[in-house]
Amino acid sequence: SDRLCPKTMWRSLFREGRRCGVVRDGAAFVRTFGSKGSGDRNFNYPTGVCVDGDNHIVVADRGNCRLVVVARTDGSFVRTFGSAGAAHGQFKSLYGVCVNAVGLI
C-alpha cells in the first residue's frame, strides 16, 4: 500500500518546487501533488504532514498559514482551512500537524 515519504524525502520535495509526494512500500516513487502558490492545490513552504482517519493527507502549509487536506489515493484537493493571524482558526508559523485517536487535527 502507499505510504508517506520518509521525513528526509519530504524535506527534499518541499525545497524543490514546494510539492508533496507519496512512495509505495519498498520506496518506489508513486506521485507528487501540489505546486508553489496560494491556491487550493498549492503550497508555500509546507512544514508538516500526517494522515487522518479518513485516509486524507493533511499538510501544514506554513507560508500560506493554513492546513491543506488532500486525498491520499490520488492527491486530489479535499479542503483547506485557516488563515494568518492570532484569532481562533488562524495560524502563525505552522511547523507541524498531527491527528489524534478520535480524528481531531
N, C-alpha and C. Protein backbone atom coordinates (compact mmCIF):
# COMPACT_ATOMS: atom_id res chain seq x y z
N SER A 1 0.84 -1.19 0.00
CA SER A 1 0.00 0.00 0.00
C SER A 1 0.88 1.24 0.00
N ASP A 2 0.31 2.38 -0.42
CA ASP A 2 1.05 3.63 -0.45
C ASP A 2 1.30 4.11 0.97
N ARG A 3 2.44 4.74 1.18
CA ARG A 3 2.72 5.36 2.47
C ARG A 3 3.38 6.70 2.20
N LEU A 4 3.47 7.52 3.22
CA LEU A 4 4.09 8.81 3.04
C LEU A 4 5.60 8.68 2.91
N CYS A 5 6.22 9.64 2.26
CA CYS A 5 7.67 9.65 2.11
C CYS A 5 8.33 9.73 3.47
N PRO A 6 9.52 9.15 3.61
CA PRO A 6 10.30 9.36 4.83
C PRO A 6 10.55 10.85 5.01
N LYS A 7 10.77 11.27 6.25
CA LYS A 7 10.92 12.69 6.55
C LYS A 7 11.99 13.35 5.69
N THR A 8 13.10 12.70 5.48
CA THR A 8 14.16 13.32 4.68
C THR A 8 13.72 13.52 3.23
N MET A 9 12.95 12.60 2.68
CA MET A 9 12.47 12.75 1.32
C MET A 9 11.46 13.89 1.23
N TRP A 10 10.58 14.01 2.24
CA TRP A 10 9.63 15.13 2.27
C TRP A 10 10.37 16.44 2.22
N ARG A 11 11.42 16.58 3.04
CA ARG A 11 12.18 17.83 3.05
C ARG A 11 12.72 18.14 1.66
N SER A 12 13.23 17.14 0.99
CA SER A 12 13.78 17.34 -0.34
C SER A 12 12.70 17.81 -1.32
N LEU A 13 11.54 17.18 -1.29
CA LEU A 13 10.46 17.57 -2.19
C LEU A 13 9.95 18.97 -1.85
N PHE A 14 9.87 19.29 -0.56
CA PHE A 14 9.40 20.61 -0.16
C PHE A 14 10.31 21.72 -0.68
N ARG A 15 11.60 21.51 -0.60
CA ARG A 15 12.54 22.54 -1.02
C ARG A 15 12.61 22.68 -2.53
N GLU A 16 12.28 21.64 -3.23
CA GLU A 16 12.39 21.66 -4.69
C GLU A 16 11.02 21.74 -5.32
N GLY A 17 10.44 22.91 -5.35
CA GLY A 17 9.18 23.12 -6.03
C GLY A 17 7.97 23.19 -5.13
N ARG A 18 8.15 23.05 -3.82
CA ARG A 18 7.04 23.16 -2.88
C ARG A 18 5.95 22.12 -3.15
N ARG A 19 6.38 20.89 -3.42
CA ARG A 19 5.44 19.80 -3.67
C ARG A 19 5.49 18.78 -2.56
N CYS A 20 4.49 17.91 -2.52
CA CYS A 20 4.47 16.78 -1.61
C CYS A 20 4.50 15.51 -2.45
N GLY A 21 4.81 14.36 -1.83
CA GLY A 21 4.90 13.14 -2.59
C GLY A 21 4.49 11.92 -1.81
N VAL A 22 4.26 10.83 -2.49
CA VAL A 22 3.88 9.56 -1.89
C VAL A 22 4.81 8.49 -2.46
N VAL A 23 5.28 7.58 -1.60
CA VAL A 23 6.06 6.44 -2.07
C VAL A 23 5.34 5.15 -1.68
N ARG A 24 5.56 4.11 -2.43
CA ARG A 24 4.98 2.81 -2.13
C ARG A 24 5.93 2.06 -1.21
N ASP A 25 5.40 1.14 -0.40
CA ASP A 25 6.26 0.33 0.45
C ASP A 25 7.39 -0.24 -0.40
N GLY A 26 8.59 -0.17 0.11
CA GLY A 26 9.75 -0.57 -0.66
C GLY A 26 10.41 0.61 -1.34
N ALA A 27 9.89 1.82 -1.08
CA ALA A 27 10.47 3.08 -1.54
C ALA A 27 10.30 3.35 -3.04
N ALA A 28 9.36 2.70 -3.72
CA ALA A 28 9.09 3.02 -5.12
C ALA A 28 8.26 4.30 -5.16
N PHE A 29 8.72 5.29 -5.91
CA PHE A 29 8.04 6.56 -6.00
C PHE A 29 6.70 6.40 -6.72
N VAL A 30 5.64 7.03 -6.19
CA VAL A 30 4.31 6.93 -6.78
C VAL A 30 3.92 8.22 -7.50
N ARG A 31 3.92 9.37 -6.77
CA ARG A 31 3.46 10.62 -7.38
C ARG A 31 3.79 11.81 -6.49
N THR A 32 3.71 12.98 -7.06
CA THR A 32 3.74 14.22 -6.29
C THR A 32 2.40 14.90 -6.46
N PHE A 33 2.12 15.84 -5.59
CA PHE A 33 0.92 16.65 -5.75
C PHE A 33 1.20 18.05 -5.24
N GLY A 34 0.52 19.01 -5.84
CA GLY A 34 0.70 20.40 -5.46
C GLY A 34 1.85 21.07 -6.18
N SER A 35 1.88 22.39 -6.06
CA SER A 35 2.97 23.20 -6.61
C SER A 35 3.02 24.48 -5.80
N LYS A 36 4.02 25.30 -6.05
CA LYS A 36 4.17 26.54 -5.29
C LYS A 36 3.06 27.53 -5.61
N GLY A 37 2.51 28.14 -4.57
CA GLY A 37 1.47 29.13 -4.77
C GLY A 37 0.54 29.21 -3.58
N SER A 38 -0.62 29.84 -3.78
CA SER A 38 -1.57 30.03 -2.68
C SER A 38 -2.97 29.48 -3.00
N GLY A 39 -3.13 28.81 -4.12
CA GLY A 39 -4.42 28.23 -4.49
C GLY A 39 -4.71 26.94 -3.74
N ASP A 40 -5.84 26.32 -4.02
CA ASP A 40 -6.27 25.10 -3.33
C ASP A 40 -5.24 23.99 -3.38
N ARG A 41 -4.60 23.78 -4.51
CA ARG A 41 -3.62 22.68 -4.66
C ARG A 41 -2.19 23.18 -4.61
N ASN A 42 -1.98 24.32 -3.98
CA ASN A 42 -0.64 24.90 -3.89
C ASN A 42 -0.15 24.93 -2.46
N PHE A 43 1.17 24.99 -2.34
CA PHE A 43 1.82 25.10 -1.04
C PHE A 43 2.87 26.19 -1.10
N ASN A 44 3.09 26.81 0.04
CA ASN A 44 4.17 27.79 0.17
C ASN A 44 4.91 27.45 1.45
N TYR A 45 5.90 26.61 1.33
CA TYR A 45 6.72 26.11 2.42
C TYR A 45 5.95 25.17 3.35
N PRO A 46 5.54 24.01 2.84
CA PRO A 46 4.90 23.01 3.69
C PRO A 46 5.90 22.47 4.71
N THR A 47 5.48 22.39 5.98
CA THR A 47 6.41 22.03 7.04
C THR A 47 6.02 20.77 7.81
N GLY A 48 4.82 20.25 7.61
CA GLY A 48 4.40 19.06 8.33
C GLY A 48 3.36 18.30 7.55
N VAL A 49 3.25 17.02 7.84
CA VAL A 49 2.30 16.18 7.12
C VAL A 49 1.88 15.01 8.00
N CYS A 50 0.62 14.60 7.88
CA CYS A 50 0.13 13.40 8.56
C CYS A 50 -1.05 12.84 7.77
N VAL A 51 -1.53 11.68 8.17
CA VAL A 51 -2.68 11.06 7.53
C VAL A 51 -3.78 10.95 8.57
N ASP A 52 -5.00 11.37 8.21
CA ASP A 52 -6.11 11.30 9.16
C ASP A 52 -6.86 9.97 9.02
N GLY A 53 -7.88 9.77 9.85
CA GLY A 53 -8.65 8.53 9.85
C GLY A 53 -9.47 8.29 8.60
N ASP A 54 -9.69 9.34 7.79
CA ASP A 54 -10.43 9.20 6.53
C ASP A 54 -9.51 8.96 5.34
N ASN A 55 -8.23 8.65 5.63
CA ASN A 55 -7.23 8.39 4.60
C ASN A 55 -6.92 9.63 3.76
N HIS A 56 -6.98 10.79 4.40
CA HIS A 56 -6.59 12.04 3.77
C HIS A 56 -5.22 12.44 4.27
N ILE A 57 -4.46 13.11 3.43
CA ILE A 57 -3.18 13.67 3.83
C ILE A 57 -3.42 15.11 4.27
N VAL A 58 -2.95 15.46 5.45
CA VAL A 58 -3.10 16.81 5.98
C VAL A 58 -1.72 17.45 5.96
N VAL A 59 -1.60 18.61 5.30
CA VAL A 59 -0.32 19.29 5.15
C VAL A 59 -0.37 20.64 5.85
N ALA A 60 0.61 20.89 6.72
CA ALA A 60 0.77 22.21 7.33
C ALA A 60 1.49 23.10 6.32
N ASP A 61 0.80 24.08 5.80
CA ASP A 61 1.32 24.98 4.78
C ASP A 61 1.74 26.29 5.46
N ARG A 62 2.97 26.33 5.92
CA ARG A 62 3.45 27.44 6.74
C ARG A 62 3.35 28.79 6.03
N GLY A 63 3.80 28.87 4.80
CA GLY A 63 3.81 30.15 4.08
C GLY A 63 2.44 30.72 3.80
N ASN A 64 1.42 29.85 3.69
CA ASN A 64 0.06 30.31 3.46
C ASN A 64 -0.78 30.30 4.75
N CYS A 65 -0.16 29.97 5.88
CA CYS A 65 -0.82 29.99 7.20
C CYS A 65 -2.13 29.21 7.20
N ARG A 66 -2.07 27.95 6.75
CA ARG A 66 -3.29 27.14 6.66
C ARG A 66 -2.94 25.66 6.68
N LEU A 67 -3.96 24.85 6.80
CA LEU A 67 -3.84 23.40 6.65
C LEU A 67 -4.54 23.03 5.35
N VAL A 68 -3.92 22.16 4.57
CA VAL A 68 -4.49 21.71 3.30
C VAL A 68 -4.72 20.21 3.42
N VAL A 69 -5.91 19.76 3.04
CA VAL A 69 -6.26 18.34 3.10
C VAL A 69 -6.45 17.84 1.68
N VAL A 70 -5.76 16.74 1.35
CA VAL A 70 -5.87 16.12 0.02
C VAL A 70 -6.14 14.63 0.19
N ALA A 71 -6.71 14.02 -0.84
CA ALA A 71 -6.98 12.58 -0.82
C ALA A 71 -5.66 11.82 -0.94
N ARG A 72 -5.45 10.86 -0.06
CA ARG A 72 -4.22 10.06 -0.10
C ARG A 72 -4.16 9.20 -1.36
N THR A 73 -5.30 8.79 -1.87
CA THR A 73 -5.33 7.89 -3.02
C THR A 73 -4.81 8.53 -4.30
N ASP A 74 -5.14 9.82 -4.53
CA ASP A 74 -4.72 10.43 -5.79
C ASP A 74 -4.22 11.87 -5.66
N GLY A 75 -4.16 12.41 -4.43
CA GLY A 75 -3.68 13.77 -4.23
C GLY A 75 -4.67 14.85 -4.60
N SER A 76 -5.94 14.47 -4.85
CA SER A 76 -6.94 15.48 -5.21
C SER A 76 -7.30 16.34 -3.99
N PHE A 77 -7.60 17.61 -4.25
CA PHE A 77 -7.92 18.57 -3.20
C PHE A 77 -9.22 18.18 -2.49
N VAL A 78 -9.21 18.24 -1.16
CA VAL A 78 -10.41 17.98 -0.34
C VAL A 78 -10.90 19.27 0.30
N ARG A 79 -10.02 19.95 1.05
CA ARG A 79 -10.40 21.22 1.68
C ARG A 79 -9.15 21.90 2.24
N THR A 80 -9.33 23.16 2.58
CA THR A 80 -8.29 23.92 3.26
C THR A 80 -8.96 24.72 4.36
N PHE A 81 -8.24 24.95 5.44
CA PHE A 81 -8.78 25.81 6.48
C PHE A 81 -7.67 26.52 7.22
N GLY A 82 -8.04 27.67 7.78
CA GLY A 82 -7.09 28.51 8.49
C GLY A 82 -6.68 29.70 7.65
N SER A 83 -6.13 30.68 8.33
CA SER A 83 -5.60 31.88 7.70
C SER A 83 -4.57 32.49 8.65
N ALA A 84 -3.93 33.56 8.21
CA ALA A 84 -2.90 34.20 9.04
C ALA A 84 -3.54 35.01 10.16
N GLY A 85 -2.98 34.91 11.36
CA GLY A 85 -3.46 35.72 12.47
C GLY A 85 -3.34 34.99 13.79
N ALA A 86 -3.92 35.61 14.82
CA ALA A 86 -3.84 35.05 16.17
C ALA A 86 -5.21 34.69 16.74
N ALA A 87 -6.27 34.85 15.97
CA ALA A 87 -7.63 34.53 16.43
C ALA A 87 -7.92 33.04 16.26
N HIS A 88 -9.06 32.60 16.77
CA HIS A 88 -9.50 31.21 16.62
C HIS A 88 -9.54 30.86 15.13
N GLY A 89 -8.95 29.73 14.77
CA GLY A 89 -8.94 29.29 13.37
C GLY A 89 -7.85 29.93 12.53
N GLN A 90 -6.99 30.70 13.16
CA GLN A 90 -5.89 31.33 12.44
C GLN A 90 -4.56 30.77 12.94
N PHE A 91 -3.55 30.87 12.10
CA PHE A 91 -2.25 30.29 12.41
C PHE A 91 -1.14 31.31 12.22
N LYS A 92 -0.06 31.10 12.96
CA LYS A 92 1.15 31.89 12.80
C LYS A 92 2.33 30.92 12.87
N SER A 93 3.10 30.83 11.82
CA SER A 93 4.29 29.98 11.77
C SER A 93 4.00 28.51 12.04
N LEU A 94 3.19 27.89 11.21
CA LEU A 94 2.92 26.46 11.32
C LEU A 94 4.19 25.66 11.11
N TYR A 95 4.45 24.71 12.00
CA TYR A 95 5.63 23.86 11.84
C TYR A 95 5.29 22.39 11.77
N GLY A 96 4.07 22.01 12.04
CA GLY A 96 3.72 20.60 12.02
C GLY A 96 2.22 20.42 12.13
N VAL A 97 1.80 19.18 12.03
CA VAL A 97 0.39 18.84 12.15
C VAL A 97 0.30 17.38 12.59
N CYS A 98 -0.73 17.06 13.36
CA CYS A 98 -0.99 15.67 13.73
C CYS A 98 -2.48 15.48 13.92
N VAL A 99 -2.90 14.23 13.91
CA VAL A 99 -4.29 13.86 14.13
C VAL A 99 -4.34 12.91 15.31
N ASN A 100 -5.26 13.17 16.26
CA ASN A 100 -5.31 12.30 17.44
C ASN A 100 -6.17 11.06 17.17
N ALA A 101 -6.32 10.21 18.17
CA ALA A 101 -7.00 8.93 18.02
C ALA A 101 -8.47 9.07 17.64
N VAL A 102 -9.11 10.20 17.96
CA VAL A 102 -10.51 10.40 17.60
C VAL A 102 -10.68 11.23 16.34
N GLY A 103 -9.58 11.53 15.67
CA GLY A 103 -9.64 12.20 14.38
C GLY A 103 -9.55 13.70 14.39
N LEU A 104 -9.29 14.30 15.56
CA LEU A 104 -9.16 15.75 15.62
C LEU A 104 -7.77 16.17 15.16
N ILE A 105 -7.72 17.19 14.31
CA ILE A 105 -6.45 17.70 13.80
C ILE A 105 -5.88 18.67 14.81
